[in-house]
Amino acid sequence: MSSYSLSQHYPDYKISIAEYSLCIRPILEAAYEKRFIYRDTLPYDLKDYCTEKREAVEKFRNLLKSEKL
């Protein structure tokens, strides 16, 4: 059984996911407010925000998955 925490990419993955979380949190809070408090639909796609940070997370996640530990 492999352990992702042993990977050389794991520290970079943790950093990238923390950066993505900081970026997307205000957008998710606004989306929650719009959707559940005001019962309105979202006028935007959440995938359009923080794309660079999300792509970094996906890159490191793929590296972790492809590594044989």
Protein backbone atom coordinates (compact mmCIF):
# COMPACT_ATOMS: atom_id res chain seq x y z
CA MET A 1 0.00 0.00 0.00
CA SER A 2 1.44 3.35 -0.99
CA SER A 3 1.52 6.40 1.19
CA TYR A 4 1.22 9.77 -0.48
CA SER A 5 2.94 11.46 2.45
CA LEU A 6 6.18 9.69 1.49
CA SER A 7 6.16 11.26 -1.96
CA GLN A 8 8.54 14.05 -2.90
CA HIS A 9 5.53 15.89 -4.36
CA TYR A 10 3.42 15.76 -1.20
CA PRO A 11 4.76 19.01 0.35
CA ASP A 12 4.06 20.87 -2.91
CA TYR A 13 0.60 19.31 -3.05
CA LYS A 14 -0.19 20.49 0.49
CA ILE A 15 0.96 24.02 -0.34
CA SER A 16 -1.01 24.15 -3.57
CA ILE A 17 -4.20 22.91 -1.92
CA ALA A 18 -3.83 25.48 0.87
CA GLU A 19 -3.37 28.27 -1.69
CA TYR A 20 -6.39 27.08 -3.65
CA SER A 21 -8.48 26.95 -0.49
CA LEU A 22 -7.57 30.53 0.38
CA CYS A 23 -8.45 31.67 -3.12
CA ILE A 24 -11.77 29.85 -3.52
CA ARG A 25 -13.21 30.31 -0.01
CA PRO A 26 -14.69 33.82 -0.51
CA ILE A 27 -16.16 32.72 -3.81
CA LEU A 28 -17.76 29.67 -2.22
CA GLU A 29 -19.16 31.79 0.61
CA ALA A 30 -20.71 34.18 -1.90
CA ALA A 31 -22.08 31.26 -3.90
CA TYR A 32 -23.60 29.75 -0.76
CA GLU A 33 -25.22 33.04 0.16
CA LYS A 34 -26.60 33.56 -3.33
CA ARG A 35 -27.89 30.02 -3.65
CA PHE A 36 -29.25 29.12 -0.22
CA ILE A 37 -30.02 32.40 1.50
CA TYR A 38 -31.48 34.30 -1.44
CA ARG A 39 -32.70 31.15 -3.25
CA ASP A 40 -31.18 32.38 -6.47
CA THR A 41 -29.22 30.52 -9.10
CA LEU A 42 -25.54 31.08 -9.59
CA PRO A 43 -24.85 33.40 -12.51
CA TYR A 44 -21.32 32.05 -12.84
CA ASP A 45 -19.45 28.78 -12.99
CA LEU A 46 -17.17 28.12 -10.02
CA LYS A 47 -14.65 26.49 -12.36
CA ASP A 48 -13.93 29.94 -13.81
CA TYR A 49 -12.29 31.08 -10.56
CA CYS A 50 -8.82 30.35 -9.22
CA THR A 51 -8.03 28.30 -12.30
CA GLU A 52 -4.27 28.59 -11.93
CA LYS A 53 -4.37 27.39 -8.33
CA ARG A 54 -6.80 24.57 -9.18
CA GLU A 55 -4.58 23.43 -12.04
CA ALA A 56 -1.59 23.32 -9.68
CA VAL A 57 -3.54 21.12 -7.27
CA GLU A 58 -4.57 18.81 -10.10
CA LYS A 59 -0.99 18.64 -11.39
CA PHE A 60 0.42 17.58 -8.02
CA ARG A 61 -2.49 15.21 -7.40
CA ASN A 62 -1.79 13.49 -10.72
CA LEU A 63 1.90 13.27 -9.87
CA LEU A 64 1.04 11.66 -6.54
CA LYS A 65 -1.29 9.17 -8.19
CA SER A 66 1.20 8.24 -10.89
CA GLU A 67 4.09 7.71 -8.48
CA LYS A 68 4.80 4.18 -7.32
CA LEU A 69 5.81 4.29 -3.66
